[in-house]
Amino acid sequence: MPKSITSDTSQDAALVVDGLSQVFQSVTALDQLSFEARDREFLTIVGPSGCGKSTTLRLIAGLNTPTGGLITVHGQTVKGPVPGAAMVFQSPVLLPWRRTMDNILFTAEMRGLNPDTYRKQAQVLLQLAGLETFENSFPHELSGGMQQRVSICRALLLDPTLLLMDEPFGALDVITRENLGFRLQRIWMETMNTVVFVTHSITEAVLLSDRVIIMSPRPGRVQATIDIDLPRPRTTAMLQDSRFLELSVVIRKEMETEWSE
């Protein structure tokens, strides 16, 4: 049985993952994985490499079909790509011939929508991301962290009900990813989308999350779920707060215990 240091979520769940299993040929990637995400919650998943974190996100988004189990988003069973979901990957994947604004508006174009209708929303997101002066820049003129901020703005353009983020800061240096963590917190507190975030960083998980799910080594299961009961907005000073450090230690101990068995 997975450990739970958390409150009940069933009554206001935006996402329900129930008994999820995934087998690739003879390899069982996920085995009876179950968890929920509340509406407007920032939920983070941590776990060792190969435990199925990215596989889980792709299944939630409806990009792959699970071997077993059930996924529902706002009460609707996932049977294919989820219209109200958006994904942010480790690589920004920006179109190099498009300027920042046009890269963000590309989301609307791909849905067959008039991009001009969403230009004002894109400008709001650029301001939240601190990129308002880079609206006409090409990707090669932006740093890696700035490119990833553009990617996040692009994902949020159509106000998704569910934002899936697969180690979006994993390729960046420690200082840049910390700064982006605070920037993401600011954006999320304005947009309040339901977020499922994957990371290897314990500090990042505590900084951003309402709850943290710890997955076991393959086959992936939920080993523990921990509430992050810190006030928002979270600041750089909070990184040294006794409760922040206590929660980090709790997560680390859970990870070390489960991963060493």
Protein backbone atom coordinates (compact mmCIF):
# COMPACT_ATOMS: atom_id res chain seq x y z
CA MET A 1 0.00 0.00 0.00
CA PRO A 2 1.35 3.48 -0.83
CA LYS A 3 1.99 5.79 2.10
CA SER A 4 -0.10 8.94 2.31
CA ILE A 5 0.84 12.09 4.16
CA THR A 6 -1.94 14.04 2.54
CA SER A 7 -5.63 14.95 2.54
CA ASP A 8 -8.44 13.32 0.54
CA THR A 9 -8.90 14.45 -3.06
CA SER A 10 -11.78 12.37 -4.39
CA GLN A 11 -14.55 14.97 -4.11
CA ASP A 12 -12.93 17.65 -6.25
CA ALA A 13 -10.67 15.66 -8.58
CA ALA A 14 -9.98 17.14 -12.02
CA LEU A 15 -7.88 14.11 -12.96
CA VAL A 16 -8.31 10.51 -11.84
CA VAL A 17 -5.77 7.80 -12.68
CA ASP A 18 -7.18 4.44 -11.57
CA GLY A 19 -5.24 1.17 -11.73
CA LEU A 20 -3.13 2.27 -14.68
CA SER A 21 -0.89 -0.38 -16.25
CA GLN A 22 1.39 -0.18 -19.26
CA VAL A 23 3.36 -3.05 -20.78
CA PHE A 24 5.85 -2.60 -23.63
CA GLN A 25 6.55 -6.03 -25.12
CA SER A 26 7.87 -7.92 -22.08
CA VAL A 27 8.57 -4.84 -19.93
CA THR A 28 5.99 -3.66 -17.38
CA ALA A 29 6.44 0.10 -17.14
CA LEU A 30 3.44 0.86 -14.89
CA ASP A 31 1.57 -1.47 -12.55
CA GLN A 32 -1.70 -0.47 -10.87
CA LEU A 33 -0.77 3.22 -10.73
CA SER A 34 -3.50 5.26 -9.04
CA PHE A 35 -3.68 8.91 -8.01
CA GLU A 36 -5.83 12.03 -8.37
CA ALA A 37 -5.26 15.72 -9.00
CA ARG A 38 -7.64 18.31 -7.63
CA ASP A 39 -9.07 21.08 -9.75
CA ARG A 40 -6.50 23.92 -9.92
CA GLU A 41 -3.92 21.88 -8.03
CA PHE A 42 -0.19 21.84 -8.73
CA LEU A 43 0.73 18.17 -8.43
CA THR A 44 4.31 17.00 -8.87
CA ILE A 45 5.58 13.49 -9.61
CA VAL A 46 9.10 12.45 -8.64
CA GLY A 47 10.75 9.09 -9.17
CA PRO A 48 13.86 7.36 -10.50
CA SER A 49 14.71 7.30 -14.20
CA GLY A 50 12.72 4.62 -15.98
CA CYS A 51 9.87 4.46 -13.45
CA GLY A 52 7.29 5.60 -16.02
CA LYS A 53 6.81 9.29 -15.23
CA SER A 54 6.88 10.43 -18.86
CA THR A 55 4.82 7.41 -19.91
CA THR A 56 2.21 8.45 -17.35
CA LEU A 57 1.97 11.97 -18.75
CA ARG A 58 1.57 10.68 -22.32
CA LEU A 59 -1.20 8.34 -21.19
CA ILE A 60 -2.98 11.15 -19.34
CA ALA A 61 -2.77 13.35 -22.45
CA GLY A 62 -4.30 10.54 -24.52
CA LEU A 63 -1.24 10.27 -26.76
CA ASN A 64 -0.88 6.56 -25.96
CA THR A 65 -3.34 3.85 -24.92
CA PRO A 66 -2.79 2.09 -21.58
CA THR A 67 -2.64 -1.69 -21.29
CA GLY A 68 -5.05 -1.51 -18.38
CA GLY A 69 -6.76 0.90 -16.02
CA LEU A 70 -8.79 4.06 -16.47
CA ILE A 71 -8.02 7.78 -16.77
CA THR A 72 -10.67 10.48 -16.49
CA VAL A 73 -10.25 14.24 -16.94
CA HIS A 74 -13.13 16.25 -15.45
CA GLY A 75 -15.24 13.10 -15.45
CA GLN A 76 -14.60 12.20 -19.10
CA THR A 77 -12.80 8.94 -19.87
CA VAL A 78 -9.59 9.49 -21.84
CA LYS A 79 -9.80 7.52 -25.10
CA GLY A 80 -7.62 9.74 -27.28
CA PRO A 81 -5.96 13.16 -27.25
CA VAL A 82 -7.55 15.32 -24.54
CA PRO A 83 -8.79 18.61 -26.09
CA GLY A 84 -8.36 20.54 -22.85
CA ALA A 85 -4.82 19.34 -22.13
CA ALA A 86 -1.47 20.88 -23.09
CA MET A 87 2.07 19.57 -22.68
CA VAL A 88 5.43 21.21 -22.03
CA PHE A 89 8.49 19.07 -22.68
CA GLN A 90 12.13 19.30 -21.59
CA SER A 91 13.00 20.81 -24.98
CA PRO A 92 11.09 23.98 -25.96
CA VAL A 93 10.61 22.74 -29.57
CA LEU A 94 10.10 26.26 -30.98
CA LEU A 95 9.85 26.89 -34.71
CA PRO A 96 13.19 28.58 -35.55
CA TRP A 97 11.76 30.74 -38.37
CA ARG A 98 9.02 32.20 -36.17
CA ARG A 99 9.31 35.09 -33.75
CA THR A 100 8.25 34.72 -30.12
CA MET A 101 4.69 35.95 -30.61
CA ASP A 102 4.16 33.77 -33.68
CA ASN A 103 5.50 30.70 -31.87
CA ILE A 104 2.96 31.25 -29.11
CA LEU A 105 0.08 31.85 -31.52
CA PHE A 106 0.97 28.66 -33.40
CA THR A 107 -1.13 26.74 -30.85
CA ALA A 108 -4.26 28.53 -32.07
CA GLU A 109 -3.33 27.97 -35.72
CA MET A 110 -2.92 24.25 -35.11
CA ARG A 111 -6.47 24.12 -33.73
CA GLY A 112 -7.82 25.92 -36.79
CA LEU A 113 -8.51 29.09 -34.80
CA ASN A 114 -7.89 32.70 -35.78
CA PRO A 115 -4.56 33.58 -34.10
CA ASP A 116 -5.41 37.29 -33.96
CA THR A 117 -8.20 36.46 -31.52
CA TYR A 118 -5.57 35.24 -29.04
CA ARG A 119 -2.96 37.95 -29.51
CA LYS A 120 -4.05 39.88 -26.41
CA GLN A 121 -3.92 36.70 -24.31
CA ALA A 122 -0.44 35.98 -25.67
CA GLN A 123 0.68 39.47 -24.64
CA VAL A 124 -0.64 38.91 -21.11
CA LEU A 125 1.27 35.62 -20.87
CA LEU A 126 4.44 37.24 -22.21
CA GLN A 127 4.21 39.87 -19.49
CA LEU A 128 3.71 37.23 -16.79
CA ALA A 129 6.72 35.35 -18.16
CA GLY A 130 8.86 38.50 -18.25
CA LEU A 131 9.22 38.35 -22.02
CA GLU A 132 7.22 41.39 -23.11
CA THR A 133 10.30 43.02 -24.68
CA PHE A 134 11.15 39.86 -26.68
CA GLU A 135 7.89 39.58 -28.60
CA ASN A 136 9.66 39.92 -31.97
CA SER A 137 12.77 37.86 -31.19
CA PHE A 138 13.66 34.62 -32.97
CA PRO A 139 14.45 31.52 -30.85
CA HIS A 140 18.18 31.74 -31.56
CA GLU A 141 18.16 35.21 -29.99
CA LEU A 142 16.82 33.85 -26.70
CA SER A 143 18.55 31.95 -23.90
CA GLY A 144 17.50 28.39 -23.09
CA GLY A 145 15.46 29.55 -20.12
CA MET A 146 13.72 32.21 -22.17
CA GLN A 147 12.89 29.67 -24.87
CA GLN A 148 11.31 27.44 -22.25
CA ARG A 149 9.23 30.37 -20.99
CA VAL A 150 7.96 30.86 -24.56
CA SER A 151 7.07 27.16 -24.63
CA ILE A 152 5.07 27.53 -21.40
CA CYS A 153 3.24 30.58 -22.80
CA ARG A 154 2.41 28.61 -25.95
CA ALA A 155 0.98 25.76 -23.87
CA LEU A 156 -1.16 28.17 -21.82
CA LEU A 157 -2.49 30.22 -24.74
CA LEU A 158 -5.83 28.39 -25.01
CA ASP A 159 -6.24 28.20 -21.20
CA PRO A 160 -5.97 24.39 -20.90
CA THR A 161 -7.87 22.70 -18.11
CA LEU A 162 -4.89 20.39 -17.61
CA LEU A 163 -1.22 21.33 -18.06
CA LEU A 164 1.26 18.43 -18.22
CA MET A 165 4.93 19.34 -17.75
CA ASP A 166 7.63 16.73 -18.36
CA GLU A 167 10.86 17.93 -16.69
CA PRO A 168 10.58 21.32 -18.43
CA PHE A 169 13.66 22.72 -16.65
CA GLY A 170 15.74 19.54 -16.71
CA ALA A 171 18.22 20.74 -19.35
CA LEU A 172 18.95 24.05 -17.60
CA ASP A 173 21.56 25.02 -15.01
CA VAL A 174 20.57 25.14 -11.32
CA ILE A 175 20.25 28.93 -11.03
CA THR A 176 18.22 29.25 -14.24
CA ARG A 177 15.83 26.46 -13.30
CA GLU A 178 15.35 27.97 -9.83
CA ASN A 179 14.50 31.36 -11.37
CA LEU A 180 12.12 29.67 -13.80
CA GLY A 181 10.48 27.86 -10.91
CA PHE A 182 9.57 31.16 -9.30
CA ARG A 183 8.42 32.50 -12.66
CA LEU A 184 6.23 29.42 -13.22
CA GLN A 185 4.73 29.84 -9.75
CA ARG A 186 3.76 33.42 -10.64
CA ILE A 187 2.16 32.34 -13.92
CA TRP A 188 0.29 29.46 -12.27
CA MET A 189 -1.05 31.67 -9.48
CA GLU A 190 -2.55 33.91 -12.17
CA THR A 191 -3.91 31.19 -14.48
CA MET A 192 -4.72 28.47 -11.87
CA ASN A 193 -4.67 25.58 -14.33
CA THR A 194 -4.51 22.05 -12.97
CA VAL A 195 -0.85 21.06 -13.36
CA VAL A 196 0.86 17.66 -13.31
CA PHE A 197 4.59 18.34 -13.18
CA VAL A 198 7.44 15.81 -13.47
CA THR A 199 10.87 16.57 -12.00
CA HIS A 200 13.94 14.91 -10.46
CA SER A 201 14.56 17.92 -8.20
CA ILE A 202 13.29 17.69 -4.62
CA THR A 203 13.76 21.43 -4.12
CA GLU A 204 11.73 22.15 -7.27
CA ALA A 205 8.98 19.78 -6.12
CA VAL A 206 8.66 21.45 -2.69
CA LEU A 207 8.89 24.95 -4.15
CA LEU A 208 6.12 24.50 -6.71
CA SER A 209 3.73 21.87 -5.44
CA ASP A 210 0.54 21.49 -3.47
CA ARG A 211 1.27 17.75 -3.28
CA VAL A 212 4.13 15.48 -4.30
CA ILE A 213 3.73 11.89 -5.52
CA ILE A 214 6.74 9.61 -5.16
CA MET A 215 6.86 6.76 -7.67
CA SER A 216 8.66 3.46 -7.18
CA PRO A 217 11.31 2.05 -9.51
CA ARG A 218 9.90 0.14 -12.49
CA PRO A 219 7.21 -1.01 -12.57
CA GLY A 220 5.94 2.41 -11.55
CA ARG A 221 3.55 2.57 -8.63
CA VAL A 222 2.70 5.29 -6.10
CA GLN A 223 4.89 4.75 -3.04
CA ALA A 224 3.97 7.89 -1.10
CA THR A 225 1.95 11.09 -1.43
CA ILE A 226 2.94 14.14 0.59
CA ASP A 227 1.15 17.45 1.17
CA ILE A 228 3.24 20.59 0.77
CA ASP A 229 1.64 22.86 3.36
CA LEU A 230 3.67 26.00 2.67
CA PRO A 231 2.05 29.41 2.10
CA ARG A 232 2.14 31.09 -1.30
CA PRO A 233 3.75 32.92 -2.91
CA ARG A 234 6.92 31.03 -2.09
CA THR A 235 10.05 33.14 -2.05
CA THR A 236 13.81 32.63 -2.17
CA ALA A 237 13.91 33.18 1.60
CA MET A 238 11.58 30.21 2.03
CA LEU A 239 14.25 27.90 0.59
CA GLN A 240 15.93 28.16 3.99
CA ASP A 241 12.69 27.93 6.01
CA SER A 242 12.61 25.10 8.55
CA ARG A 243 9.35 23.67 7.17
CA PHE A 244 10.69 23.78 3.60
CA LEU A 245 13.80 21.89 4.70
CA GLU A 246 11.71 19.43 6.76
CA LEU A 247 9.51 18.58 3.77
CA SER A 248 12.57 18.16 1.57
CA VAL A 249 14.03 15.71 4.08
CA VAL A 250 10.75 13.76 4.26
CA ILE A 251 10.65 13.37 0.47
CA ARG A 252 14.33 12.43 0.28
CA LYS A 253 13.93 9.76 2.97
CA GLU A 254 10.91 8.30 1.20
CA MET A 255 12.83 8.20 -2.07
CA GLU A 256 15.93 6.65 -0.52
CA THR A 257 13.87 4.03 1.34
CA GLU A 258 11.83 2.96 -1.66
CA TRP A 259 14.58 3.11 -4.24
CA SER A 260 17.05 1.11 -2.14
CA GLU A 261 14.71 -1.84 -1.64
